[in-house]
Amino acid sequence: MTRIDAKFAALQADGKKAFVAYVMAGDPDYDTSLEIVKGLPGAGVDVIELGLPFTDPMADGPTIQLAGQRALDGGMTLQRTLDLATEFRKDDDTTPIVLMGYYNPIFSRGVDKFLVDAKAAGIDGLIVVDLPPEEDEELCIPAQAAGMNFIRLATPTTDDKRLPKVLQNTSGFVYYVSITGITGAAEAEATNVGPEVARIKAATDLPVIVGFGINTPEKSKAIASVADGAVVGSAIVSQIGAGKPVADVLAFVASLAGGAHSA
């Protein structure tokens, strides 16, 4: 059982919904990023999604693209991202970390070496947005064999014919993308999301967490009420990008977490 599996089992036992927060590793700089990540569990975050900076983030909107660019400009690499996770683990051995990004940096390092290093750094799961199920032999199956969850995205365009393929070999949770398009592009609506979550849950026992388009505590609560939890990324990253003090960023995160936990 991974930390992700244990976290969702504990939340289910308590009758609580999950709050997942995404931040870009190394944004706006390594030290500030580490301080923010260390503060997330205390702000109510159940699962941390740690963005891996990449030069061509095709699924990301301007907010997260700019965060990745700031991180890269500051010298952030895959190794330094793993270093950040290692530092976090010195004080927290329970909060799950999901590394979210693109396949190129992993491929460049070598899958076998990457998996050994990521496991040692305390990474619990992977979301690799440009590896479809047809490429499971590349990373998904080796990652699961190494004891990491491989989390897949489902979208409004994932129809009943495609869904079983998406769910095949997926573990940890299913990330439902509430809107079509890039991150930060529109707002999620619970009335639209609810039936889609129900459709996915009819096909899997995994928790279904909803992300994209959630930017207020009220929205976080509304989305969590029709799913197993909510993910917020762009709204948090925009606070960091605006240069808000770490305490203010974490207070904002706490308000979003409070929304999800009150669902």
C-alpha atoms as a PDB file:
ATOM      1  CA  MET A   1       0.000   0.000   0.000  1.00  0.00           C
ATOM      2  CA  THR A   2       1.405   3.369  -1.007  1.00  0.00           C
ATOM      3  CA  ARG A   3       1.055   6.571   1.006  1.00  0.00           C
ATOM      4  CA  ILE A   4      -1.636   7.565  -1.519  1.00  0.00           C
ATOM      5  CA  ASP A   5      -3.633   4.391  -0.866  1.00  0.00           C
ATOM      6  CA  ALA A   6      -3.253   4.863   2.890  1.00  0.00           C
ATOM      7  CA  LYS A   7      -4.352   8.503   2.726  1.00  0.00           C
ATOM      8  CA  PHE A   8      -7.519   7.757   0.785  1.00  0.00           C
ATOM      9  CA  ALA A   9      -8.354   4.824   3.054  1.00  0.00           C
ATOM     10  CA  ALA A  10      -8.024   7.126   6.082  1.00  0.00           C
ATOM     11  CA  LEU A  11     -10.139   9.849   4.474  1.00  0.00           C
ATOM     12  CA  GLN A  12     -12.827   7.334   3.551  1.00  0.00           C
ATOM     13  CA  ALA A  13     -12.846   5.954   7.095  1.00  0.00           C
ATOM     14  CA  ASP A  14     -13.370   9.501   8.394  1.00  0.00           C
ATOM     15  CA  GLY A  15     -16.045  10.283   5.790  1.00  0.00           C
ATOM     16  CA  LYS A  16     -13.925  13.151   4.430  1.00  0.00           C
ATOM     17  CA  LYS A  17     -13.161  14.385   0.951  1.00  0.00           C
ATOM     18  CA  ALA A  18      -9.587  14.929  -0.224  1.00  0.00           C
ATOM     19  CA  PHE A  19      -7.902  18.201  -0.992  1.00  0.00           C
ATOM     20  CA  VAL A  20      -5.011  17.998  -3.447  1.00  0.00           C
ATOM     21  CA  ALA A  21      -2.747  20.990  -4.116  1.00  0.00           C
ATOM     22  CA  TYR A  22      -0.478  21.432  -7.127  1.00  0.00           C
ATOM     23  CA  VAL A  23       2.636  23.589  -7.018  1.00  0.00           C
ATOM     24  CA  MET A  24       5.525  23.818  -9.466  1.00  0.00           C
ATOM     25  CA  ALA A  25       8.801  22.612  -7.990  1.00  0.00           C
ATOM     26  CA  GLY A  26      11.279  25.472  -7.811  1.00  0.00           C
ATOM     27  CA  ASP A  27       8.762  28.292  -8.283  1.00  0.00           C
ATOM     28  CA  PRO A  28       9.631  31.105  -7.719  1.00  0.00           C
ATOM     29  CA  ASP A  29      12.961  29.695  -6.457  1.00  0.00           C
ATOM     30  CA  TYR A  30      14.124  26.519  -4.742  1.00  0.00           C
ATOM     31  CA  ASP A  31      14.117  27.780  -1.147  1.00  0.00           C
ATOM     32  CA  THR A  32      10.718  29.481  -1.341  1.00  0.00           C
ATOM     33  CA  SER A  33       9.252  26.477  -3.116  1.00  0.00           C
ATOM     34  CA  LEU A  34      10.529  24.126  -0.414  1.00  0.00           C
ATOM     35  CA  GLU A  35       9.075  26.385   2.290  1.00  0.00           C
ATOM     36  CA  ILE A  36       5.681  26.343   0.553  1.00  0.00           C
ATOM     37  CA  VAL A  37       5.703  22.575   0.031  1.00  0.00           C
ATOM     38  CA  LYS A  38       6.659  21.983   3.669  1.00  0.00           C
ATOM     39  CA  GLY A  39       3.743  24.199   4.726  1.00  0.00           C
ATOM     40  CA  LEU A  40       1.078  22.479   2.610  1.00  0.00           C
ATOM     41  CA  PRO A  41       0.160  19.630   5.018  1.00  0.00           C
ATOM     42  CA  GLY A  42      -0.357  22.129   7.841  1.00  0.00           C
ATOM     43  CA  ALA A  43      -2.666  24.081   5.525  1.00  0.00           C
ATOM     44  CA  GLY A  44      -4.883  21.014   5.139  1.00  0.00           C
ATOM     45  CA  VAL A  45      -3.447  19.480   1.972  1.00  0.00           C
ATOM     46  CA  ASP A  46      -3.985  15.711   1.818  1.00  0.00           C
ATOM     47  CA  VAL A  47      -1.937  15.004  -1.320  1.00  0.00           C
ATOM     48  CA  ILE A  48       0.777  17.186  -2.848  1.00  0.00           C
ATOM     49  CA  GLU A  49       1.115  17.333  -6.624  1.00  0.00           C
ATOM     50  CA  LEU A  50       4.622  18.496  -7.386  1.00  0.00           C
ATOM     51  CA  GLY A  51       5.061  19.874 -10.876  1.00  0.00           C
ATOM     52  CA  LEU A  52       8.196  18.866 -12.760  1.00  0.00           C
ATOM     53  CA  PRO A  53       9.350  21.893 -14.806  1.00  0.00           C
ATOM     54  CA  PHE A  54       9.516  21.251 -18.545  1.00  0.00           C
ATOM     55  CA  THR A  55      10.213  23.444 -21.549  1.00  0.00           C
ATOM     56  CA  ASP A  56       7.136  22.426 -23.569  1.00  0.00           C
ATOM     57  CA  PRO A  57       4.184  21.910 -21.185  1.00  0.00           C
ATOM     58  CA  MET A  58       1.452  21.383 -23.769  1.00  0.00           C
ATOM     59  CA  ALA A  59      -1.433  20.718 -21.338  1.00  0.00           C
ATOM     60  CA  ASP A  60      -0.753  23.740 -19.175  1.00  0.00           C
ATOM     61  CA  GLY A  61      -2.210  27.212 -19.421  1.00  0.00           C
ATOM     62  CA  PRO A  62      -0.230  30.442 -19.104  1.00  0.00           C
ATOM     63  CA  THR A  63      -0.171  30.467 -15.290  1.00  0.00           C
ATOM     64  CA  ILE A  64       1.544  27.102 -14.951  1.00  0.00           C
ATOM     65  CA  GLN A  65       3.657  27.607 -18.066  1.00  0.00           C
ATOM     66  CA  LEU A  66       5.073  30.772 -16.508  1.00  0.00           C
ATOM     67  CA  ALA A  67       5.677  28.952 -13.216  1.00  0.00           C
ATOM     68  CA  GLY A  68       7.651  26.301 -15.065  1.00  0.00           C
ATOM     69  CA  GLN A  69       9.653  28.961 -16.846  1.00  0.00           C
ATOM     70  CA  ARG A  70      10.451  30.731 -13.570  1.00  0.00           C
ATOM     71  CA  ALA A  71      11.605  27.417 -12.114  1.00  0.00           C
ATOM     72  CA  LEU A  72      13.744  26.553 -15.142  1.00  0.00           C
ATOM     73  CA  ASP A  73      15.247  30.047 -15.150  1.00  0.00           C
ATOM     74  CA  GLY A  74      16.180  29.482 -11.518  1.00  0.00           C
ATOM     75  CA  GLY A  75      18.075  26.318 -12.389  1.00  0.00           C
ATOM     76  CA  MET A  76      15.408  23.761 -11.492  1.00  0.00           C
ATOM     77  CA  THR A  77      15.988  20.283 -12.903  1.00  0.00           C
ATOM     78  CA  LEU A  78      14.580  16.803 -12.398  1.00  0.00           C
ATOM     79  CA  GLN A  79      17.370  16.118  -9.903  1.00  0.00           C
ATOM     80  CA  ARG A  80      16.677  19.288  -7.916  1.00  0.00           C
ATOM     81  CA  THR A  81      12.963  18.401  -7.915  1.00  0.00           C
ATOM     82  CA  LEU A  82      13.837  15.043  -6.368  1.00  0.00           C
ATOM     83  CA  ASP A  83      16.161  16.845  -3.931  1.00  0.00           C
ATOM     84  CA  LEU A  84      13.224  19.036  -2.874  1.00  0.00           C
ATOM     85  CA  ALA A  85      11.080  15.946  -2.239  1.00  0.00           C
ATOM     86  CA  THR A  86      13.927  14.377  -0.236  1.00  0.00           C
ATOM     87  CA  GLU A  87      14.159  17.499   1.951  1.00  0.00           C
ATOM     88  CA  PHE A  88      10.391  17.467   2.499  1.00  0.00           C
ATOM     89  CA  ARG A  89      10.520  13.807   3.561  1.00  0.00           C
ATOM     90  CA  LYS A  90      12.965  14.593   6.387  1.00  0.00           C
ATOM     91  CA  ASP A  91      10.068  16.138   8.326  1.00  0.00           C
ATOM     92  CA  ASP A  92       7.026  14.397   6.821  1.00  0.00           C
ATOM     93  CA  ASP A  93       6.851  10.699   6.060  1.00  0.00           C
ATOM     94  CA  THR A  94       3.083  10.448   5.604  1.00  0.00           C
ATOM     95  CA  THR A  95       1.832  13.101   3.152  1.00  0.00           C
ATOM     96  CA  PRO A  96       1.744  11.608  -0.361  1.00  0.00           C
ATOM     97  CA  ILE A  97       3.665  13.303  -3.165  1.00  0.00           C
ATOM     98  CA  VAL A  98       2.611  12.855  -6.781  1.00  0.00           C
ATOM     99  CA  LEU A  99       5.141  13.996  -9.360  1.00  0.00           C
ATOM    100  CA  MET A 100       3.265  15.548 -12.288  1.00  0.00           C
ATOM    101  CA  GLY A 101       4.841  16.372 -15.592  1.00  0.00           C
ATOM    102  CA  TYR A 102       5.941  15.133 -18.996  1.00  0.00           C
ATOM    103  CA  TYR A 103       7.844  12.076 -20.143  1.00  0.00           C
ATOM    104  CA  ASN A 104      10.851  13.713 -21.787  1.00  0.00           C
ATOM    105  CA  PRO A 105      12.884  14.475 -18.607  1.00  0.00           C
ATOM    106  CA  ILE A 106      12.166  10.965 -17.286  1.00  0.00           C
ATOM    107  CA  PHE A 107      13.118   9.326 -20.575  1.00  0.00           C
ATOM    108  CA  SER A 108      16.303  11.401 -20.719  1.00  0.00           C
ATOM    109  CA  ARG A 109      17.339  10.201 -17.270  1.00  0.00           C
ATOM    110  CA  GLY A 110      16.448   6.601 -18.039  1.00  0.00           C
ATOM    111  CA  VAL A 111      13.290   4.980 -16.671  1.00  0.00           C
ATOM    112  CA  ASP A 112      15.051   2.473 -14.408  1.00  0.00           C
ATOM    113  CA  LYS A 113      17.326   5.085 -12.833  1.00  0.00           C
ATOM    114  CA  PHE A 114      14.471   7.552 -12.504  1.00  0.00           C
ATOM    115  CA  LEU A 115      12.250   5.056 -10.683  1.00  0.00           C
ATOM    116  CA  VAL A 116      15.000   4.116  -8.217  1.00  0.00           C
ATOM    117  CA  ASP A 117      15.792   7.782  -7.545  1.00  0.00           C
ATOM    118  CA  ALA A 118      12.124   8.870  -7.306  1.00  0.00           C
ATOM    119  CA  LYS A 119      11.308   6.066  -4.875  1.00  0.00           C
ATOM    120  CA  ALA A 120      14.334   6.994  -2.747  1.00  0.00           C
ATOM    121  CA  ALA A 121      13.196  10.642  -2.743  1.00  0.00           C
ATOM    122  CA  GLY A 122       9.785   9.658  -1.381  1.00  0.00           C
ATOM    123  CA  ILE A 123       7.693  10.075  -4.526  1.00  0.00           C
ATOM    124  CA  ASP A 124       4.497   8.008  -4.237  1.00  0.00           C
ATOM    125  CA  GLY A 125       2.850   8.423  -7.613  1.00  0.00           C
ATOM    126  CA  LEU A 126       3.257   9.762 -11.121  1.00  0.00           C
ATOM    127  CA  ILE A 127       1.037  11.717 -13.495  1.00  0.00           C
ATOM    128  CA  VAL A 128       2.675  11.848 -16.911  1.00  0.00           C
ATOM    129  CA  VAL A 129       0.249  13.650 -19.152  1.00  0.00           C
ATOM    130  CA  ASP A 130       1.791  12.776 -22.514  1.00  0.00           C
ATOM    131  CA  LEU A 131       1.970   8.990 -22.027  1.00  0.00           C
ATOM    132  CA  PRO A 132      -1.317   7.376 -23.144  1.00  0.00           C
ATOM    133  CA  PRO A 133      -2.392   3.901 -21.980  1.00  0.00           C
ATOM    134  CA  GLU A 134      -1.050   2.453 -25.224  1.00  0.00           C
ATOM    135  CA  GLU A 135       2.441   3.247 -23.884  1.00  0.00           C
ATOM    136  CA  ASP A 136       1.998   1.546 -20.481  1.00  0.00           C
ATOM    137  CA  GLU A 137       5.088  -0.620 -20.982  1.00  0.00           C
ATOM    138  CA  GLU A 138       7.229   2.538 -21.119  1.00  0.00           C
ATOM    139  CA  LEU A 139       6.692   3.764 -17.567  1.00  0.00           C
ATOM    140  CA  CYS A 140       3.318   2.874 -16.055  1.00  0.00           C
ATOM    141  CA  ILE A 141       3.944  -0.834 -15.508  1.00  0.00           C
ATOM    142  CA  PRO A 142       7.578  -0.404 -14.363  1.00  0.00           C
ATOM    143  CA  ALA A 143       6.451   2.349 -11.947  1.00  0.00           C
ATOM    144  CA  GLN A 144       3.797   0.134 -10.386  1.00  0.00           C
ATOM    145  CA  ALA A 145       6.327  -2.691 -10.085  1.00  0.00           C
ATOM    146  CA  ALA A 146       8.579  -0.219  -8.226  1.00  0.00           C
ATOM    147  CA  GLY A 147       5.777   0.502  -5.746  1.00  0.00           C
ATOM    148  CA  MET A 148       4.506   3.786  -7.154  1.00  0.00           C
ATOM    149  CA  ASN A 149       0.984   4.623  -8.251  1.00  0.00           C
ATOM    150  CA  PHE A 150       0.440   5.652 -11.854  1.00  0.00           C
ATOM    151  CA  ILE A 151      -2.451   8.093 -11.987  1.00  0.00           C
ATOM    152  CA  ARG A 152      -4.334   8.647 -15.209  1.00  0.00           C
ATOM    153  CA  LEU A 153      -6.359  11.591 -16.420  1.00  0.00           C
ATOM    154  CA  ALA A 154      -9.940  11.199 -17.654  1.00  0.00           C
ATOM    155  CA  THR A 155     -11.603  14.106 -19.455  1.00  0.00           C
ATOM    156  CA  PRO A 156     -15.049  15.166 -20.712  1.00  0.00           C
ATOM    157  CA  THR A 157     -14.085  13.594 -24.047  1.00  0.00           C
ATOM    158  CA  THR A 158     -13.235  10.194 -22.506  1.00  0.00           C
ATOM    159  CA  ASP A 159     -16.256   8.247 -23.747  1.00  0.00           C
ATOM    160  CA  ASP A 160     -17.497   4.840 -22.564  1.00  0.00           C
ATOM    161  CA  LYS A 161     -15.471   3.091 -25.250  1.00  0.00           C
ATOM    162  CA  ARG A 162     -12.212   4.775 -24.199  1.00  0.00           C
ATOM    163  CA  LEU A 163     -12.745   4.750 -20.421  1.00  0.00           C
ATOM    164  CA  PRO A 164     -11.793   1.082 -19.775  1.00  0.00           C
ATOM    165  CA  LYS A 165      -8.483   1.654 -21.555  1.00  0.00           C
ATOM    166  CA  VAL A 166      -7.810   4.757 -19.444  1.00  0.00           C
ATOM    167  CA  LEU A 167      -8.595   2.883 -16.230  1.00  0.00           C
ATOM    168  CA  GLN A 168      -6.471  -0.124 -17.161  1.00  0.00           C
ATOM    169  CA  ASN A 169      -3.308  -0.196 -15.002  1.00  0.00           C
ATOM    170  CA  THR A 170      -4.322   3.057 -13.267  1.00  0.00           C
ATOM    171  CA  SER A 171      -3.844   3.118  -9.485  1.00  0.00           C
ATOM    172  CA  GLY A 172      -3.973   5.542  -6.565  1.00  0.00           C
ATOM    173  CA  PHE A 173      -6.808   7.669  -7.908  1.00  0.00           C
ATOM    174  CA  VAL A 174      -8.336   8.850 -11.149  1.00  0.00           C
ATOM    175  CA  TYR A 175      -7.848  12.530 -11.965  1.00  0.00           C
ATOM    176  CA  TYR A 176     -10.935  13.834 -13.738  1.00  0.00           C
ATOM    177  CA  VAL A 177     -10.243  16.960 -15.776  1.00  0.00           C
ATOM    178  CA  SER A 178     -13.458  18.941 -15.402  1.00  0.00           C
ATOM    179  CA  ILE A 179     -13.154  21.039 -18.553  1.00  0.00           C
ATOM    180  CA  THR A 180     -11.802  20.639 -22.064  1.00  0.00           C
ATOM    181  CA  GLY A 181      -8.677  22.615 -22.826  1.00  0.00           C
ATOM    182  CA  ILE A 182      -5.680  23.778 -20.830  1.00  0.00           C
ATOM    183  CA  THR A 183      -5.249  24.423 -17.103  1.00  0.00           C
ATOM    184  CA  GLY A 184      -6.714  27.646 -15.751  1.00  0.00           C
ATOM    185  CA  ALA A 185      -8.861  28.198 -18.829  1.00  0.00           C
ATOM    186  CA  ALA A 186     -12.386  28.001 -17.405  1.00  0.00           C
ATOM    187  CA  GLU A 187     -14.329  27.268 -14.242  1.00  0.00           C
ATOM    188  CA  ALA A 188     -15.605  23.855 -13.228  1.00  0.00           C
ATOM    189  CA  GLU A 189     -19.325  23.405 -12.577  1.00  0.00           C
ATOM    190  CA  ALA A 190     -20.513  20.725 -10.171  1.00  0.00           C
ATOM    191  CA  THR A 191     -23.704  20.176 -12.175  1.00  0.00           C
ATOM    192  CA  ASN A 192     -21.602  19.120 -15.164  1.00  0.00           C
ATOM    193  CA  VAL A 193     -18.993  17.231 -13.179  1.00  0.00           C
ATOM    194  CA  GLY A 194     -21.301  15.115 -10.991  1.00  0.00           C
ATOM    195  CA  PRO A 195     -22.688  12.814 -13.702  1.00  0.00           C
ATOM    196  CA  GLU A 196     -19.225  12.323 -15.206  1.00  0.00           C
ATOM    197  CA  VAL A 197     -17.748  11.353 -11.834  1.00  0.00           C
ATOM    198  CA  ALA A 198     -20.605   8.900 -11.315  1.00  0.00           C
ATOM    199  CA  ARG A 199     -19.922   7.382 -14.731  1.00  0.00           C
ATOM    200  CA  ILE A 200     -16.249   6.872 -13.899  1.00  0.00           C
ATOM    201  CA  LYS A 201     -16.988   5.510 -10.418  1.00  0.00           C
ATOM    202  CA  ALA A 202     -19.312   2.934 -11.963  1.00  0.00           C
ATOM    203  CA  ALA A 203     -16.278   1.573 -13.803  1.00  0.00           C
ATOM    204  CA  THR A 204     -13.649   1.638 -11.024  1.00  0.00           C
ATOM    205  CA  ASP A 205     -13.224   1.339  -7.260  1.00  0.00           C
ATOM    206  CA  LEU A 206     -10.547   4.045  -7.275  1.00  0.00           C
ATOM    207  CA  PRO A 207     -11.237   7.489  -5.805  1.00  0.00           C
ATOM    208  CA  VAL A 208     -12.098  10.105  -8.426  1.00  0.00           C
ATOM    209  CA  ILE A 209     -10.549  13.515  -7.803  1.00  0.00           C
ATOM    210  CA  VAL A 210     -11.560  16.526  -9.892  1.00  0.00           C
ATOM    211  CA  GLY A 211      -9.242  19.276 -11.068  1.00  0.00           C
ATOM    212  CA  PHE A 212      -9.058  22.243 -13.470  1.00  0.00           C
ATOM    213  CA  GLY A 213     -11.232  25.318 -13.003  1.00  0.00           C
ATOM    214  CA  ILE A 214     -11.402  25.348  -9.176  1.00  0.00           C
ATOM    215  CA  ASN A 215     -10.315  28.664  -7.707  1.00  0.00           C
ATOM    216  CA  THR A 216     -12.373  29.494  -4.586  1.00  0.00           C
ATOM    217  CA  PRO A 217     -13.305  27.724  -1.330  1.00  0.00           C
ATOM    218  CA  GLU A 218     -16.937  27.639  -2.513  1.00  0.00           C
ATOM    219  CA  LYS A 219     -15.957  25.995  -5.796  1.00  0.00           C
ATOM    220  CA  SER A 220     -13.694  23.562  -3.957  1.00  0.00           C
ATOM    221  CA  LYS A 221     -16.608  22.543  -1.717  1.00  0.00           C
ATOM    222  CA  ALA A 222     -19.053  22.238  -4.625  1.00  0.00           C
ATOM    223  CA  ILE A 223     -16.739  20.029  -6.663  1.00  0.00           C
ATOM    224  CA  ALA A 224     -15.671  17.889  -3.678  1.00  0.00           C
ATOM    225  CA  SER A 225     -19.352  17.319  -2.885  1.00  0.00           C
ATOM    226  CA  VAL A 226     -19.835  15.428  -6.174  1.00  0.00           C
ATOM    227  CA  ALA A 227     -16.441  13.636  -6.184  1.00  0.00           C
ATOM    228  CA  ASP A 228     -13.926  12.128  -3.768  1.00  0.00           C
ATOM    229  CA  GLY A 229     -12.003  15.372  -3.628  1.00  0.00           C
ATOM    230  CA  ALA A 230     -10.770  18.447  -5.432  1.00  0.00           C
ATOM    231  CA  VAL A 231      -7.450  19.515  -6.964  1.00  0.00           C
ATOM    232  CA  VAL A 232      -6.363  23.146  -7.195  1.00  0.00           C
ATOM    233  CA  GLY A 233      -3.309  24.206  -9.174  1.00  0.00           C
ATOM    234  CA  SER A 234      -3.485  27.387 -11.227  1.00  0.00           C
ATOM    235  CA  ALA A 235      -5.175  29.449  -8.504  1.00  0.00           C
ATOM    236  CA  ILE A 236      -2.394  28.579  -6.030  1.00  0.00           C
ATOM    237  CA  VAL A 237       0.366  29.013  -8.596  1.00  0.00           C
ATOM    238  CA  SER A 238      -0.999  32.448  -9.515  1.00  0.00           C
ATOM    239  CA  GLN A 239      -0.622  33.536  -5.876  1.00  0.00           C
ATOM    240  CA  ILE A 240       2.995  32.397  -5.934  1.00  0.00           C
ATOM    241  CA  GLY A 241       3.544  34.108  -9.289  1.00  0.00           C
ATOM    242  CA  ALA A 242       2.160  37.352  -7.887  1.00  0.00           C
ATOM    243  CA  GLY A 243       4.894  37.306  -5.267  1.00  0.00           C
ATOM    244  CA  LYS A 244       2.590  36.785  -2.292  1.00  0.00           C
ATOM    245  CA  PRO A 245       4.372  35.970   0.991  1.00  0.00           C
ATOM    246  CA  VAL A 246       4.518  32.269   1.821  1.00  0.00           C
ATOM    247  CA  ALA A 247       2.164  32.775   4.778  1.00  0.00           C
ATOM    248  CA  ASP A 248      -0.437  34.355   2.486  1.00  0.00           C
ATOM    249  CA  VAL A 249      -0.116  31.547  -0.071  1.00  0.00           C
ATOM    250  CA  LEU A 250      -0.619  28.947   2.644  1.00  0.00           C
ATOM    251  CA  ALA A 251      -3.592  30.836   4.088  1.00  0.00           C
ATOM    252  CA  PHE A 252      -5.200  30.776   0.639  1.00  0.00           C
ATOM    253  CA  VAL A 253      -4.480  27.046   0.353  1.00  0.00           C
ATOM    254  CA  ALA A 254      -6.039  26.514   3.784  1.00  0.00           C
ATOM    255  CA  SER A 255      -9.221  28.259   2.672  1.00  0.00           C
ATOM    256  CA  LEU A 256      -9.482  25.980  -0.381  1.00  0.00           C
ATOM    257  CA  ALA A 257      -8.778  22.897   1.731  1.00  0.00           C
ATOM    258  CA  GLY A 258     -11.447  23.992   4.186  1.00  0.00           C
ATOM    259  CA  GLY A 259     -13.923  24.160   1.329  1.00  0.00           C
ATOM    260  CA  ALA A 260     -13.178  20.608   0.175  1.00  0.00           C
ATOM    261  CA  HIS A 261     -13.180  19.219   3.710  1.00  0.00           C
ATOM    262  CA  SER A 262     -16.558  20.772   4.453  1.00  0.00           C
ATOM    263  CA  ALA A 263     -18.203  19.003   1.498  1.00  0.00           C
END
